[in-house]
Amino acid sequence: MSSPFVLTLLCSIVAVALLCPVDAGSDTREEQWADDMALSDDDSAFRTADELEMLNNKLRSLRELLELETRGVQTEIEKLLSGFKDVKLTGNGDIPTKPFLDACRRMVPFYDLLGETAFAPVKSDINGNILKLTKKYSTDPDRYSTLQDIVKQEMAEKTTKAKNSATDALLWLRRALEFHQHFLAGIAEGETDLVKVAKAAYEGSLKKYHGWMVQGIFSLAMKAVPYYDDFVRTFASGSKDAMIRNAKIYSDTLGILIKTLQDFYTTYNLDSKKKV
């Protein structure tokens, strides 16, 4: 077993590679694309009316389930993740900025419960990406009322690849949420080995962006997660059934929001396959 100091150091290295974007400089292909294609204020063309209605109906159903779940005593997992039930897609399928960032901010202490020391650097980097987006939003809340609005503005100014851009911050925040979503999905499926859950979540989200060295360090850091019984006591007041139900609901909710961002980044060729 590694000492706390060594584990913290390892996790610090992991966090830098895990959630901090790399300054890749200008992207000629992206700039040419921005010149050739006019940006639209309405992304509904990329979603049919039926698709958008289906997504909103799914989110509404999940909110109703959450309201039923929280009529009694709230579990810790509900307290940390309930902000996502307030995130409702706009009429053209965009994600409202403030509710989304508020929900992400409320979620961050989840990592304290996974392992306060080991996951402290990860938590810090997630907070950093939330802060970048919050600062951008606060400069003009009306103009940047949705996450897509923020990215479109940077596309128009050709600053999506600039150091500390909001576009990059949202990319890495989305990837962190993907890890979170996969972790919850593993719990919802009934897996009791949380190290296995964490590794599967990593493989399904962040691993493809990491070189072999970072992958090896990250696999060591995953051993900081608590035992299953301790996790149930902390997150669901000892109720395994309540934890599984809530993990399923929030996994599905995050899945919809993540897919919405993935589709947007794919449409505008903003995603990156570069490894760190």
C-alpha atoms as a PDB file:
ATOM      1  CA  MET A   1       0.000   0.000   0.000  1.00  0.00           C
ATOM      2  CA  SER A   2       1.427   3.380  -0.977  1.00  0.00           C
ATOM      3  CA  SER A   3       1.876   6.055   1.641  1.00  0.00           C
ATOM      4  CA  PRO A   4      -0.657   8.954   1.660  1.00  0.00           C
ATOM      5  CA  PHE A   5       2.045  11.293   0.401  1.00  0.00           C
ATOM      6  CA  VAL A   6       2.921   9.094  -2.547  1.00  0.00           C
ATOM      7  CA  LEU A   7      -0.747   8.506  -3.380  1.00  0.00           C
ATOM      8  CA  THR A   8      -1.440  12.229  -3.279  1.00  0.00           C
ATOM      9  CA  LEU A   9       1.538  12.890  -5.531  1.00  0.00           C
ATOM     10  CA  LEU A  10       0.420  10.249  -7.996  1.00  0.00           C
ATOM     11  CA  CYS A  11      -3.103  11.638  -8.057  1.00  0.00           C
ATOM     12  CA  SER A  12      -1.754  15.135  -8.586  1.00  0.00           C
ATOM     13  CA  ILE A  13       0.057  13.920 -11.686  1.00  0.00           C
ATOM     14  CA  VAL A  14      -3.069  12.124 -12.849  1.00  0.00           C
ATOM     15  CA  ALA A  15      -5.270  15.164 -12.330  1.00  0.00           C
ATOM     16  CA  VAL A  16      -3.080  17.431 -14.413  1.00  0.00           C
ATOM     17  CA  ALA A  17      -3.301  15.047 -17.342  1.00  0.00           C
ATOM     18  CA  LEU A  18      -6.875  14.044 -16.646  1.00  0.00           C
ATOM     19  CA  LEU A  19      -8.672  17.329 -16.601  1.00  0.00           C
ATOM     20  CA  CYS A  20      -6.309  20.107 -17.733  1.00  0.00           C
ATOM     21  CA  PRO A  21      -6.431  20.913 -21.435  1.00  0.00           C
ATOM     22  CA  VAL A  22      -3.241  21.177 -23.416  1.00  0.00           C
ATOM     23  CA  ASP A  23      -2.584  24.434 -25.247  1.00  0.00           C
ATOM     24  CA  ALA A  24      -2.492  23.194 -28.815  1.00  0.00           C
ATOM     25  CA  GLY A  25      -2.180  26.620 -30.454  1.00  0.00           C
ATOM     26  CA  SER A  26      -4.150  27.620 -33.514  1.00  0.00           C
ATOM     27  CA  ASP A  27      -5.967  25.108 -35.659  1.00  0.00           C
ATOM     28  CA  THR A  28      -5.869  26.031 -39.355  1.00  0.00           C
ATOM     29  CA  ARG A  29      -8.544  23.534 -40.331  1.00  0.00           C
ATOM     30  CA  GLU A  30     -10.939  24.879 -37.722  1.00  0.00           C
ATOM     31  CA  GLU A  31     -10.297  28.489 -38.763  1.00  0.00           C
ATOM     32  CA  GLN A  32     -10.933  27.666 -42.416  1.00  0.00           C
ATOM     33  CA  TRP A  33     -14.126  25.870 -41.445  1.00  0.00           C
ATOM     34  CA  ALA A  34     -15.305  28.881 -39.444  1.00  0.00           C
ATOM     35  CA  ASP A  35     -14.700  31.114 -42.449  1.00  0.00           C
ATOM     36  CA  ASP A  36     -16.584  28.812 -44.809  1.00  0.00           C
ATOM     37  CA  MET A  37     -19.635  28.077 -42.665  1.00  0.00           C
ATOM     38  CA  ALA A  38     -21.925  30.679 -41.109  1.00  0.00           C
ATOM     39  CA  LEU A  39     -22.874  30.042 -37.504  1.00  0.00           C
ATOM     40  CA  SER A  40     -26.563  29.626 -36.839  1.00  0.00           C
ATOM     41  CA  ASP A  41     -28.391  30.774 -33.721  1.00  0.00           C
ATOM     42  CA  ASP A  42     -30.670  27.779 -34.092  1.00  0.00           C
ATOM     43  CA  ASP A  43     -29.161  24.313 -33.787  1.00  0.00           C
ATOM     44  CA  SER A  44     -32.554  22.646 -34.133  1.00  0.00           C
ATOM     45  CA  ALA A  45     -31.570  21.652 -37.659  1.00  0.00           C
ATOM     46  CA  PHE A  46     -29.279  19.063 -36.106  1.00  0.00           C
ATOM     47  CA  ARG A  47     -32.146  17.563 -34.115  1.00  0.00           C
ATOM     48  CA  THR A  48     -35.573  16.691 -35.397  1.00  0.00           C
ATOM     49  CA  ALA A  49     -38.553  17.941 -33.438  1.00  0.00           C
ATOM     50  CA  ASP A  50     -39.296  14.356 -32.439  1.00  0.00           C
ATOM     51  CA  GLU A  51     -35.757  13.829 -31.120  1.00  0.00           C
ATOM     52  CA  LEU A  52     -35.871  17.003 -29.049  1.00  0.00           C
ATOM     53  CA  GLU A  53     -39.293  16.132 -27.670  1.00  0.00           C
ATOM     54  CA  MET A  54     -38.041  12.664 -26.752  1.00  0.00           C
ATOM     55  CA  LEU A  55     -35.044  14.086 -24.862  1.00  0.00           C
ATOM     56  CA  ASN A  56     -37.148  16.621 -22.977  1.00  0.00           C
ATOM     57  CA  ASN A  57     -39.748  13.975 -22.129  1.00  0.00           C
ATOM     58  CA  LYS A  58     -36.971  11.725 -20.809  1.00  0.00           C
ATOM     59  CA  LEU A  59     -35.573  14.523 -18.647  1.00  0.00           C
ATOM     60  CA  ARG A  60     -39.062  15.351 -17.393  1.00  0.00           C
ATOM     61  CA  SER A  61     -39.682  11.702 -16.454  1.00  0.00           C
ATOM     62  CA  LEU A  62     -36.367  11.575 -14.607  1.00  0.00           C
ATOM     63  CA  ARG A  63     -37.251  14.762 -12.713  1.00  0.00           C
ATOM     64  CA  GLU A  64     -40.566  13.209 -11.669  1.00  0.00           C
ATOM     65  CA  LEU A  65     -38.770  10.116 -10.416  1.00  0.00           C
ATOM     66  CA  LEU A  66     -36.342  12.285  -8.465  1.00  0.00           C
ATOM     67  CA  GLU A  67     -39.182  14.228  -6.878  1.00  0.00           C
ATOM     68  CA  LEU A  68     -40.729  10.969  -5.708  1.00  0.00           C
ATOM     69  CA  GLU A  69     -37.371   9.787  -4.367  1.00  0.00           C
ATOM     70  CA  THR A  70     -36.713  12.976  -2.411  1.00  0.00           C
ATOM     71  CA  ARG A  71     -40.063  13.256  -0.642  1.00  0.00           C
ATOM     72  CA  GLY A  72     -38.558  11.318   2.227  1.00  0.00           C
ATOM     73  CA  VAL A  73     -35.116  11.781   3.743  1.00  0.00           C
ATOM     74  CA  GLN A  74     -32.561  12.783   1.126  1.00  0.00           C
ATOM     75  CA  THR A  75     -29.550  10.552   0.706  1.00  0.00           C
ATOM     76  CA  GLU A  76     -26.124  12.079   0.211  1.00  0.00           C
ATOM     77  CA  ILE A  77     -26.105  11.123  -3.454  1.00  0.00           C
ATOM     78  CA  GLU A  78     -29.377  13.029  -3.917  1.00  0.00           C
ATOM     79  CA  LYS A  79     -27.998  16.104  -2.170  1.00  0.00           C
ATOM     80  CA  LEU A  80     -24.907  16.143  -4.364  1.00  0.00           C
ATOM     81  CA  LEU A  81     -26.538  15.416  -7.714  1.00  0.00           C
ATOM     82  CA  SER A  82     -30.055  16.815  -7.427  1.00  0.00           C
ATOM     83  CA  GLY A  83     -29.009  20.037  -9.167  1.00  0.00           C
ATOM     84  CA  PHE A  84     -29.091  18.209 -12.496  1.00  0.00           C
ATOM     85  CA  LYS A  85     -32.843  17.807 -12.279  1.00  0.00           C
ATOM     86  CA  ASP A  86     -33.091  21.586 -12.778  1.00  0.00           C
ATOM     87  CA  VAL A  87     -31.229  21.465 -16.099  1.00  0.00           C
ATOM     88  CA  LYS A  88     -33.845  21.604 -18.863  1.00  0.00           C
ATOM     89  CA  LEU A  89     -33.003  21.782 -22.555  1.00  0.00           C
ATOM     90  CA  THR A  90     -34.072  24.951 -24.330  1.00  0.00           C
ATOM     91  CA  GLY A  91     -36.533  24.994 -27.208  1.00  0.00           C
ATOM     92  CA  ASN A  92     -33.747  24.291 -29.719  1.00  0.00           C
ATOM     93  CA  GLY A  93     -32.012  21.671 -27.602  1.00  0.00           C
ATOM     94  CA  ASP A  94     -29.283  23.768 -25.958  1.00  0.00           C
ATOM     95  CA  ILE A  95     -28.169  23.439 -22.326  1.00  0.00           C
ATOM     96  CA  PRO A  96     -28.779  26.488 -20.093  1.00  0.00           C
ATOM     97  CA  THR A  97     -25.482  27.666 -18.642  1.00  0.00           C
ATOM     98  CA  LYS A  98     -26.321  28.699 -15.086  1.00  0.00           C
ATOM     99  CA  PRO A  99     -28.330  25.622 -13.993  1.00  0.00           C
ATOM    100  CA  PHE A 100     -25.719  23.347 -15.539  1.00  0.00           C
ATOM    101  CA  LEU A 101     -22.762  25.018 -13.821  1.00  0.00           C
ATOM    102  CA  ASP A 102     -24.672  25.210 -10.527  1.00  0.00           C
ATOM    103  CA  ALA A 103     -25.337  21.464 -10.740  1.00  0.00           C
ATOM    104  CA  CYS A 104     -21.684  20.715 -11.538  1.00  0.00           C
ATOM    105  CA  ARG A 105     -20.556  22.868  -8.619  1.00  0.00           C
ATOM    106  CA  ARG A 106     -22.850  21.009  -6.217  1.00  0.00           C
ATOM    107  CA  MET A 107     -21.546  17.679  -7.520  1.00  0.00           C
ATOM    108  CA  VAL A 108     -17.851  18.354  -6.809  1.00  0.00           C
ATOM    109  CA  PRO A 109     -17.890  17.200  -3.133  1.00  0.00           C
ATOM    110  CA  PHE A 110     -18.706  13.724  -4.487  1.00  0.00           C
ATOM    111  CA  TYR A 111     -14.950  13.323  -4.901  1.00  0.00           C
ATOM    112  CA  ASP A 112     -14.352  14.082  -1.225  1.00  0.00           C
ATOM    113  CA  LEU A 113     -16.459  11.059  -0.380  1.00  0.00           C
ATOM    114  CA  LEU A 114     -14.611   8.889  -2.871  1.00  0.00           C
ATOM    115  CA  GLY A 115     -11.317   9.834  -1.260  1.00  0.00           C
ATOM    116  CA  GLU A 116     -10.688  13.334   0.041  1.00  0.00           C
ATOM    117  CA  THR A 117      -6.901  13.189  -0.189  1.00  0.00           C
ATOM    118  CA  ALA A 118      -6.507  11.087  -3.318  1.00  0.00           C
ATOM    119  CA  PHE A 119      -9.106  12.952  -5.362  1.00  0.00           C
ATOM    120  CA  ALA A 120      -8.317  16.478  -4.140  1.00  0.00           C
ATOM    121  CA  PRO A 121      -6.338  17.399  -7.297  1.00  0.00           C
ATOM    122  CA  VAL A 122      -9.140  16.048  -9.517  1.00  0.00           C
ATOM    123  CA  LYS A 123     -11.670  18.095  -7.586  1.00  0.00           C
ATOM    124  CA  SER A 124      -9.480  21.174  -7.927  1.00  0.00           C
ATOM    125  CA  ASP A 125      -9.209  20.838 -11.699  1.00  0.00           C
ATOM    126  CA  ILE A 126     -12.949  20.327 -12.122  1.00  0.00           C
ATOM    127  CA  ASN A 127     -13.518  23.451 -10.067  1.00  0.00           C
ATOM    128  CA  GLY A 128     -11.056  25.263 -12.304  1.00  0.00           C
ATOM    129  CA  ASN A 129     -12.985  24.387 -15.452  1.00  0.00           C
ATOM    130  CA  ILE A 130     -16.269  25.387 -13.807  1.00  0.00           C
ATOM    131  CA  LEU A 131     -14.689  28.696 -12.810  1.00  0.00           C
ATOM    132  CA  LYS A 132     -13.493  29.438 -16.363  1.00  0.00           C
ATOM    133  CA  LEU A 133     -16.989  28.889 -17.713  1.00  0.00           C
ATOM    134  CA  THR A 134     -18.587  30.853 -14.873  1.00  0.00           C
ATOM    135  CA  LYS A 135     -16.317  33.841 -15.517  1.00  0.00           C
ATOM    136  CA  LYS A 136     -17.199  33.782 -19.207  1.00  0.00           C
ATOM    137  CA  TYR A 137     -20.910  33.529 -18.446  1.00  0.00           C
ATOM    138  CA  SER A 138     -20.796  36.361 -15.898  1.00  0.00           C
ATOM    139  CA  THR A 139     -19.445  38.822 -18.481  1.00  0.00           C
ATOM    140  CA  ASP A 140     -22.766  38.729 -20.345  1.00  0.00           C
ATOM    141  CA  PRO A 141     -25.415  36.345 -18.899  1.00  0.00           C
ATOM    142  CA  ASP A 142     -27.936  37.180 -21.628  1.00  0.00           C
ATOM    143  CA  ARG A 143     -25.511  36.559 -24.469  1.00  0.00           C
ATOM    144  CA  TYR A 144     -24.150  33.379 -22.889  1.00  0.00           C
ATOM    145  CA  SER A 145     -27.418  31.950 -21.583  1.00  0.00           C
ATOM    146  CA  THR A 146     -26.549  28.508 -22.990  1.00  0.00           C
ATOM    147  CA  LEU A 147     -23.305  26.546 -23.139  1.00  0.00           C
ATOM    148  CA  GLN A 148     -23.615  26.420 -26.902  1.00  0.00           C
ATOM    149  CA  ASP A 149     -23.771  30.228 -27.037  1.00  0.00           C
ATOM    150  CA  ILE A 150     -20.442  30.462 -25.226  1.00  0.00           C
ATOM    151  CA  VAL A 151     -18.736  28.084 -27.644  1.00  0.00           C
ATOM    152  CA  LYS A 152     -20.262  29.746 -30.711  1.00  0.00           C
ATOM    153  CA  GLN A 153     -18.884  33.096 -29.650  1.00  0.00           C
ATOM    154  CA  GLU A 154     -15.378  31.630 -29.402  1.00  0.00           C
ATOM    155  CA  MET A 155     -15.827  29.952 -32.761  1.00  0.00           C
ATOM    156  CA  ALA A 156     -16.752  33.278 -34.327  1.00  0.00           C
ATOM    157  CA  GLU A 157     -13.654  34.874 -32.763  1.00  0.00           C
ATOM    158  CA  LYS A 158     -11.483  31.847 -33.606  1.00  0.00           C
ATOM    159  CA  THR A 159     -10.410  31.427 -29.985  1.00  0.00           C
ATOM    160  CA  THR A 160     -11.641  27.898 -29.290  1.00  0.00           C
ATOM    161  CA  LYS A 161      -8.036  26.628 -29.247  1.00  0.00           C
ATOM    162  CA  ALA A 162      -6.691  29.532 -27.237  1.00  0.00           C
ATOM    163  CA  LYS A 163      -5.147  28.840 -23.850  1.00  0.00           C
ATOM    164  CA  ASN A 164      -7.820  28.690 -21.110  1.00  0.00           C
ATOM    165  CA  SER A 165     -10.653  28.968 -23.622  1.00  0.00           C
ATOM    166  CA  ALA A 166     -14.173  28.229 -22.419  1.00  0.00           C
ATOM    167  CA  THR A 167     -14.499  25.720 -25.265  1.00  0.00           C
ATOM    168  CA  ASP A 168     -11.599  23.696 -23.878  1.00  0.00           C
ATOM    169  CA  ALA A 169     -12.865  24.039 -20.315  1.00  0.00           C
ATOM    170  CA  LEU A 170     -16.266  22.657 -21.330  1.00  0.00           C
ATOM    171  CA  LEU A 171     -14.621  19.821 -23.249  1.00  0.00           C
ATOM    172  CA  TRP A 172     -12.712  18.637 -20.192  1.00  0.00           C
ATOM    173  CA  LEU A 173     -15.628  19.229 -17.843  1.00  0.00           C
ATOM    174  CA  ARG A 174     -17.756  17.068 -20.104  1.00  0.00           C
ATOM    175  CA  ARG A 175     -15.127  14.332 -20.011  1.00  0.00           C
ATOM    176  CA  ALA A 176     -15.067  14.461 -16.213  1.00  0.00           C
ATOM    177  CA  LEU A 177     -18.859  14.104 -16.229  1.00  0.00           C
ATOM    178  CA  GLU A 178     -18.515  11.112 -18.549  1.00  0.00           C
ATOM    179  CA  PHE A 179     -16.334   9.403 -15.960  1.00  0.00           C
ATOM    180  CA  HIS A 180     -18.901  10.304 -13.300  1.00  0.00           C
ATOM    181  CA  GLN A 181     -21.777   9.002 -15.423  1.00  0.00           C
ATOM    182  CA  HIS A 182     -20.054   5.692 -16.131  1.00  0.00           C
ATOM    183  CA  PHE A 183     -19.216   5.296 -12.440  1.00  0.00           C
ATOM    184  CA  LEU A 184     -22.890   5.745 -11.502  1.00  0.00           C
ATOM    185  CA  ALA A 185     -23.952   3.374 -14.279  1.00  0.00           C
ATOM    186  CA  GLY A 186     -21.679   0.668 -12.858  1.00  0.00           C
ATOM    187  CA  ILE A 187     -23.248   1.083  -9.425  1.00  0.00           C
ATOM    188  CA  ALA A 188     -26.741   1.021 -10.944  1.00  0.00           C
ATOM    189  CA  GLU A 189     -25.907  -2.306 -12.558  1.00  0.00           C
ATOM    190  CA  GLY A 190     -25.238  -3.772  -9.109  1.00  0.00           C
ATOM    191  CA  GLU A 191     -21.453  -4.092  -9.230  1.00  0.00           C
ATOM    192  CA  THR A 192     -20.052  -4.147  -5.682  1.00  0.00           C
ATOM    193  CA  ASP A 193     -16.335  -3.949  -6.461  1.00  0.00           C
ATOM    194  CA  LEU A 194     -15.857  -0.183  -6.647  1.00  0.00           C
ATOM    195  CA  VAL A 195     -12.288  -0.469  -7.897  1.00  0.00           C
ATOM    196  CA  LYS A 196     -13.689  -2.425 -10.829  1.00  0.00           C
ATOM    197  CA  VAL A 197     -16.430   0.192 -11.273  1.00  0.00           C
ATOM    198  CA  ALA A 198     -13.894   3.023 -11.278  1.00  0.00           C
ATOM    199  CA  LYS A 199     -11.610   1.276 -13.769  1.00  0.00           C
ATOM    200  CA  ALA A 200     -14.520   0.522 -16.099  1.00  0.00           C
ATOM    201  CA  ALA A 201     -15.644   4.157 -15.846  1.00  0.00           C
ATOM    202  CA  TYR A 202     -12.147   5.305 -16.741  1.00  0.00           C
ATOM    203  CA  GLU A 203     -11.923   2.931 -19.689  1.00  0.00           C
ATOM    204  CA  GLY A 204     -15.295   4.119 -20.959  1.00  0.00           C
ATOM    205  CA  SER A 205     -14.490   7.804 -20.734  1.00  0.00           C
ATOM    206  CA  LEU A 206     -10.962   9.158 -20.256  1.00  0.00           C
ATOM    207  CA  LYS A 207      -8.569   6.336 -21.049  1.00  0.00           C
ATOM    208  CA  LYS A 208      -8.567   7.015 -24.798  1.00  0.00           C
ATOM    209  CA  TYR A 209      -7.151  10.486 -24.148  1.00  0.00           C
ATOM    210  CA  HIS A 210      -4.212   9.190 -22.083  1.00  0.00           C
ATOM    211  CA  GLY A 211      -0.882   7.668 -22.973  1.00  0.00           C
ATOM    212  CA  TRP A 212       0.335   4.475 -21.318  1.00  0.00           C
ATOM    213  CA  MET A 213       2.145   6.255 -18.482  1.00  0.00           C
ATOM    214  CA  VAL A 214      -0.877   8.269 -17.374  1.00  0.00           C
ATOM    215  CA  GLN A 215      -3.055   5.175 -17.699  1.00  0.00           C
ATOM    216  CA  GLY A 216      -0.768   3.279 -15.341  1.00  0.00           C
ATOM    217  CA  ILE A 217      -0.724   6.057 -12.749  1.00  0.00           C
ATOM    218  CA  PHE A 218      -4.490   6.453 -12.938  1.00  0.00           C
ATOM    219  CA  SER A 219      -5.053   2.749 -12.316  1.00  0.00           C
ATOM    220  CA  LEU A 220      -3.120   3.107  -9.051  1.00  0.00           C
ATOM    221  CA  ALA A 221      -5.130   6.142  -8.006  1.00  0.00           C
ATOM    222  CA  MET A 222      -8.381   4.216  -8.476  1.00  0.00           C
ATOM    223  CA  LYS A 223      -7.454   2.087  -5.481  1.00  0.00           C
ATOM    224  CA  ALA A 224      -8.348   5.041  -3.246  1.00  0.00           C
ATOM    225  CA  VAL A 225     -12.080   4.463  -3.661  1.00  0.00           C
ATOM    226  CA  PRO A 226     -13.895   3.208  -0.536  1.00  0.00           C
ATOM    227  CA  TYR A 227     -15.234  -0.280   0.103  1.00  0.00           C
ATOM    228  CA  TYR A 228     -18.749  -0.901  -1.174  1.00  0.00           C
ATOM    229  CA  ASP A 229     -20.398  -1.148   2.265  1.00  0.00           C
ATOM    230  CA  ASP A 230     -18.769   2.110   3.363  1.00  0.00           C
ATOM    231  CA  PHE A 231     -19.904   3.738   0.140  1.00  0.00           C
ATOM    232  CA  VAL A 232     -23.511   2.644   0.707  1.00  0.00           C
ATOM    233  CA  ARG A 233     -23.482   3.981   4.265  1.00  0.00           C
ATOM    234  CA  THR A 234     -22.064   7.315   3.144  1.00  0.00           C
ATOM    235  CA  PHE A 235     -24.084   7.899  -0.004  1.00  0.00           C
ATOM    236  CA  ALA A 236     -27.402   6.210   0.729  1.00  0.00           C
ATOM    237  CA  SER A 237     -27.756   6.017   4.521  1.00  0.00           C
ATOM    238  CA  GLY A 238     -27.085   2.288   4.331  1.00  0.00           C
ATOM    239  CA  SER A 239     -29.793   1.526   1.756  1.00  0.00           C
ATOM    240  CA  LYS A 240     -28.354  -0.372  -1.182  1.00  0.00           C
ATOM    241  CA  ASP A 241     -31.669  -0.255  -3.057  1.00  0.00           C
ATOM    242  CA  ALA A 242     -31.931   3.535  -2.689  1.00  0.00           C
ATOM    243  CA  MET A 243     -28.356   3.965  -3.889  1.00  0.00           C
ATOM    244  CA  ILE A 244     -28.927   1.814  -6.969  1.00  0.00           C
ATOM    245  CA  ARG A 245     -32.171   3.634  -7.836  1.00  0.00           C
ATOM    246  CA  ASN A 246     -30.577   7.043  -7.523  1.00  0.00           C
ATOM    247  CA  ALA A 247     -27.443   6.005  -9.386  1.00  0.00           C
ATOM    248  CA  LYS A 248     -29.617   4.833 -12.289  1.00  0.00           C
ATOM    249  CA  ILE A 249     -31.663   8.057 -12.425  1.00  0.00           C
ATOM    250  CA  TYR A 250     -28.654  10.350 -12.296  1.00  0.00           C
ATOM    251  CA  SER A 251     -26.662   8.232 -14.722  1.00  0.00           C
ATOM    252  CA  ASP A 252     -29.491   8.537 -17.241  1.00  0.00           C
ATOM    253  CA  THR A 253     -29.830  12.284 -16.625  1.00  0.00           C
ATOM    254  CA  LEU A 254     -26.117  12.922 -17.071  1.00  0.00           C
ATOM    255  CA  GLY A 255     -26.148  10.694 -20.145  1.00  0.00           C
ATOM    256  CA  ILE A 256     -28.637  12.959 -21.914  1.00  0.00           C
ATOM    257  CA  LEU A 257     -26.688  16.128 -21.122  1.00  0.00           C
ATOM    258  CA  ILE A 258     -23.355  14.570 -22.065  1.00  0.00           C
ATOM    259  CA  LYS A 259     -24.739  13.258 -25.375  1.00  0.00           C
ATOM    260  CA  THR A 260     -26.116  16.722 -26.158  1.00  0.00           C
ATOM    261  CA  LEU A 261     -22.645  18.242 -25.694  1.00  0.00           C
ATOM    262  CA  GLN A 262     -20.941  15.418 -27.583  1.00  0.00           C
ATOM    263  CA  ASP A 263     -23.230  15.906 -30.576  1.00  0.00           C
ATOM    264  CA  PHE A 264     -22.611  19.664 -30.559  1.00  0.00           C
ATOM    265  CA  TYR A 265     -18.824  19.285 -30.448  1.00  0.00           C
ATOM    266  CA  THR A 266     -18.936  16.635 -33.177  1.00  0.00           C
ATOM    267  CA  THR A 267     -21.131  18.784 -35.416  1.00  0.00           C
ATOM    268  CA  TYR A 268     -18.682  21.681 -35.236  1.00  0.00           C
ATOM    269  CA  ASN A 269     -15.530  19.525 -35.277  1.00  0.00           C
ATOM    270  CA  LEU A 270     -14.431  20.797 -31.863  1.00  0.00           C
ATOM    271  CA  ASP A 271     -13.563  17.524 -30.176  1.00  0.00           C
ATOM    272  CA  SER A 272      -9.970  16.356 -29.933  1.00  0.00           C
ATOM    273  CA  LYS A 273      -8.488  12.888 -29.976  1.00  0.00           C
ATOM    274  CA  LYS A 274      -5.060  14.001 -28.811  1.00  0.00           C
ATOM    275  CA  LYS A 275      -3.540  12.007 -25.976  1.00  0.00           C
ATOM    276  CA  VAL A 276      -1.765  13.459 -22.960  1.00  0.00           C
END
